[in-house]
Each structure stands twice: as structure tokens, then as C-alpha cells.
Amino acid sequence: MKAAVLTSPGSPIMIEDIPVPKPRAEEVLVKVAACGVCHSDLHVAKGELKFPLPCVLGHEISGTVAELGPGVRGPAPGDPVVAGFILPCGRCPNCARGRDDLCETFFAMNRGKGTYYDGETRLHRADGTPLAMYSMGGLAEYAVVPATGVFPLRPGMALADSCILGCAVMTAYG
């Protein structure tokens, strides 16, 4: 698949061919139809916000479910979805209190290390080099998203217009 990879602050983002990631337990593989470029992506690209590199930016996506990982109940393959920029673990004290927007695991692991809750990224170069993910690393043809961060779209909603629901519309939620 094609992915937009940032290798160093201020450098051009390059399109690379990388393997399609596989969803693990409680994860969904989304075929990305649209990904917004948020100003926080630009902060990372300019080096104004520290984040592990190389990485795939993009944290507001819409698309269709391509594959479900083990244990996922919810949207079926082919269903249109949007993914939120905060990917709650569902297990930390804040998630248990209903404060998904303050998920400690998400901020420690994803925003701090560019990984998911298990400490691993789902994106790698063909040679196996890991690529950090800014949220789900949505500037790619496919993205693996924890099932807790995937939401169905109403039939007829344009995927190209829906991606901003995952960030710009949700920024003040909580």
C-alpha cells in the first residue's frame, strides 16, 4: 500500500510502498477513503511537536471496513466508518469513568511513542523498520484502528466529507 512517511522535521513527506497492516484482536482494518490534514499534523511535520520518526501522520479518517480482527463485534466488512483521533483503551481509570477523551494509555503509548497499547506499531517498511503512527497513521491506503475508535457512518454520508468528524468536529468533546 502507499503511505505518506515523514522521516525528519521540515523534510518533505514522501510516498512509500509499505505492507498492508493486519488487524490484531479488538482491531479493525479500514480502507481509507479520506484523511484530513490537521494543524497538529503540521506541528509534527515542522518539528514543533515532538513525535517519534519516521512516522505516518493522519488522525482523522473515513473509509470502509476491510477486515475485522479477532473478537470485534460491530461494523461489518464494507461498512462505511469514521475513526476518532483519540483511540481509547477502554481499561484505564479515565476510560472506566467514561472520560475516553483523557485515556491515559492513548496519550502515553500513541502520542508518546507512536504505538498502540501493546507498545507496538502496526506499520512497517518493507524491510521491517517500524513506522510510528500518529493516532492510526491515516495518511495511507489502509489503517488499523482499535475497535473502540471506529464509528459507523449513516448511509449516504460522503466519505470524502466525513473524515473531519474524527477530529475537527470532536476536538471539544469530553
Protein backbone atom coordinates (compact mmCIF):
# COMPACT_ATOMS: atom_id res chain seq x y z
CA MET A 1 0.00 0.00 0.00
CA LYS A 2 1.04 3.62 -0.34
CA ALA A 3 1.72 5.66 2.80
CA ALA A 4 2.93 9.21 3.39
CA VAL A 5 6.06 8.92 5.55
CA LEU A 6 7.76 11.73 7.45
CA THR A 7 11.41 10.96 8.17
CA SER A 8 12.64 14.20 9.73
CA PRO A 9 11.14 17.54 10.79
CA GLY A 10 10.93 20.02 7.95
CA SER A 11 11.67 17.43 5.28
CA PRO A 12 9.19 16.59 2.53
CA ILE A 13 6.70 13.85 3.31
CA MET A 14 7.46 11.01 0.91
CA ILE A 15 5.09 8.42 -0.53
CA GLU A 16 6.40 4.92 0.17
CA ASP A 17 5.16 1.42 -0.57
CA ILE A 18 4.73 -0.44 2.71
CA PRO A 19 2.96 -3.70 3.63
CA VAL A 20 -0.76 -3.58 4.40
CA PRO A 21 -1.08 -3.96 8.18
CA LYS A 22 -3.07 -6.81 9.74
CA PRO A 23 -5.59 -6.13 12.48
CA ARG A 24 -4.97 -7.86 15.78
CA ALA A 25 -7.51 -8.73 18.47
CA GLU A 26 -10.06 -5.94 19.00
CA GLU A 27 -8.82 -4.00 15.94
CA VAL A 28 -10.36 -3.05 12.59
CA LEU A 29 -8.58 -2.64 9.25
CA VAL A 30 -10.06 0.36 7.44
CA LYS A 31 -9.60 1.04 3.73
CA VAL A 32 -9.03 4.78 3.92
CA ALA A 33 -11.20 6.87 1.62
CA ALA A 34 -10.22 10.27 3.03
CA CYS A 35 -7.85 11.67 5.63
CA GLY A 36 -7.86 15.27 6.76
CA VAL A 37 -4.64 17.13 7.43
CA CYS A 38 -4.97 18.76 10.82
CA HIS A 39 -2.76 21.51 12.14
CA SER A 40 -1.37 19.10 14.74
CA ASP A 41 -0.04 17.00 11.83
CA LEU A 42 1.72 20.14 10.61
CA HIS A 43 3.18 20.76 14.08
CA VAL A 44 4.77 17.30 13.96
CA ALA A 45 5.96 17.77 10.36
CA LYS A 46 7.63 21.08 11.28
CA GLY A 47 9.21 19.65 14.44
CA GLU A 48 7.15 21.90 16.72
CA LEU A 49 5.59 18.89 18.43
CA LYS A 50 7.93 16.05 19.39
CA PHE A 51 6.93 12.69 17.97
CA PRO A 52 8.93 9.56 17.06
CA LEU A 53 10.20 9.41 13.48
CA PRO A 54 9.90 8.01 10.91
CA CYS A 55 6.12 8.14 11.13
CA VAL A 56 2.87 8.16 9.22
CA LEU A 57 0.71 11.14 10.17
CA GLY A 58 -3.04 11.45 9.77
CA HIS A 59 -5.54 11.07 12.58
CA GLU A 60 -8.94 11.89 11.06
CA ILE A 61 -10.05 9.25 8.58
CA SER A 62 -13.14 7.89 6.92
CA GLY A 63 -13.35 4.73 4.88
CA THR A 64 -14.82 1.27 4.73
CA VAL A 65 -14.17 -1.72 6.93
CA ALA A 66 -11.79 -4.06 5.12
CA GLU A 67 -11.22 -6.68 7.82
CA LEU A 68 -12.06 -7.35 11.46
CA GLY A 69 -9.53 -8.62 13.95
CA PRO A 70 -10.44 -11.43 16.36
CA GLY A 71 -13.09 -10.50 18.92
CA VAL A 72 -14.51 -7.48 17.11
CA ARG A 73 -18.26 -7.05 17.13
CA GLY A 74 -19.65 -4.13 15.25
CA PRO A 75 -19.28 -2.84 11.74
CA ALA A 76 -19.08 -5.46 9.03
CA PRO A 77 -16.63 -5.54 6.13
CA GLY A 78 -17.77 -2.98 3.57
CA ASP A 79 -19.50 -0.73 6.13
CA PRO A 80 -18.63 2.99 5.99
CA VAL A 81 -16.90 4.26 9.14
CA VAL A 82 -15.07 7.20 10.65
CA ALA A 83 -12.24 6.88 13.18
CA GLY A 84 -11.77 9.28 16.06
CA PHE A 85 -8.35 10.77 16.75
CA ILE A 86 -8.36 9.61 20.37
CA LEU A 87 -8.29 5.82 20.44
CA PRO A 88 -9.45 4.93 23.96
CA CYS A 89 -8.13 1.75 25.56
CA GLY A 90 -11.38 1.22 27.48
CA ARG A 91 -9.43 -0.06 30.51
CA CYS A 92 -7.56 2.82 32.19
CA PRO A 93 -9.14 4.73 35.12
CA ASN A 94 -10.27 7.60 32.88
CA CYS A 95 -11.90 5.26 30.36
CA ALA A 96 -13.58 3.41 33.24
CA ARG A 97 -15.06 6.76 34.40
CA GLY A 98 -16.39 7.48 30.90
CA ARG A 99 -13.64 10.02 30.13
CA ASP A 100 -12.35 8.43 26.92
CA ASP A 101 -11.03 11.86 25.92
CA LEU A 102 -8.46 11.59 28.72
CA CYS A 103 -7.36 7.99 28.04
CA GLU A 104 -4.02 7.66 29.81
CA THR A 105 -2.92 4.70 27.72
CA PHE A 106 -3.57 6.50 24.43
CA PHE A 107 -1.56 9.56 25.41
CA ALA A 108 1.31 7.55 26.94
CA MET A 109 1.62 4.98 24.18
CA ASN A 110 0.36 6.56 20.96
CA ARG A 111 1.14 10.23 21.41
CA GLY A 112 4.28 9.47 23.40
CA LYS A 113 5.71 6.53 21.46
CA GLY A 114 3.74 6.24 18.20
CA THR A 115 2.45 2.78 19.13
CA TYR A 116 -0.77 1.12 20.24
CA TYR A 117 -1.49 -0.17 23.75
CA ASP A 118 0.79 -3.19 23.42
CA GLY A 119 3.80 -0.96 22.69
CA GLU A 120 3.94 -1.94 19.02
CA THR A 121 3.19 -0.07 15.83
CA ARG A 122 1.12 -1.71 13.12
CA LEU A 123 3.06 -0.01 10.31
CA HIS A 124 6.45 -1.11 8.99
CA ARG A 125 8.58 -0.51 5.94
CA ALA A 126 9.14 -3.46 3.62
CA ASP A 127 12.49 -4.11 5.36
CA GLY A 128 10.73 -4.35 8.74
CA THR A 129 11.70 -0.90 10.02
CA PRO A 130 8.87 0.27 12.30
CA LEU A 131 6.94 3.41 11.40
CA ALA A 132 5.39 5.33 14.28
CA MET A 133 1.66 6.05 13.93
CA TYR A 134 0.16 9.44 14.77
CA SER A 135 -3.15 8.04 16.05
CA MET A 136 -3.84 5.45 13.35
CA GLY A 137 -1.39 6.76 10.73
CA GLY A 138 -4.23 7.61 8.38
CA LEU A 139 -2.22 9.11 5.52
CA ALA A 140 -2.09 5.65 3.98
CA GLU A 141 -4.34 3.44 1.89
CA TYR A 142 -5.20 1.29 4.93
CA ALA A 143 -5.18 1.92 8.68
CA VAL A 144 -5.55 -0.43 11.63
CA VAL A 145 -7.74 1.17 14.28
CA PRO A 146 -8.70 -0.16 17.72
CA ALA A 147 -12.38 -1.10 17.61
CA THR A 148 -13.03 1.45 20.38
CA GLY A 149 -12.14 4.23 17.92
CA VAL A 150 -14.29 3.17 14.93
CA PHE A 151 -17.79 4.56 14.44
CA PRO A 152 -20.37 3.72 11.76
CA LEU A 153 -21.48 6.41 9.34
CA ARG A 154 -25.06 6.88 8.25
CA PRO A 155 -25.80 5.54 4.79
CA GLY A 156 -25.35 8.19 2.13
CA MET A 157 -22.79 10.29 4.02
CA ALA A 158 -19.97 11.20 1.65
CA LEU A 159 -16.72 9.60 2.82
CA ALA A 160 -14.69 12.49 1.41
CA ASP A 161 -16.56 14.92 3.65
CA SER A 162 -16.83 12.68 6.72
CA CYS A 163 -13.18 12.34 7.74
CA ILE A 164 -13.20 15.61 9.71
CA LEU A 165 -15.77 14.08 12.06
CA GLY A 166 -12.84 12.17 13.56
CA CYS A 167 -11.03 15.29 14.77
CA ALA A 168 -12.26 18.77 13.92
CA VAL A 169 -15.82 18.01 14.96
CA MET A 170 -14.74 16.04 18.06
CA THR A 171 -11.98 18.34 19.29
CA ALA A 172 -14.13 19.79 22.08
CA TYR A 173 -15.78 16.52 23.12
CA GLY A 174 -15.41 15.23 26.62
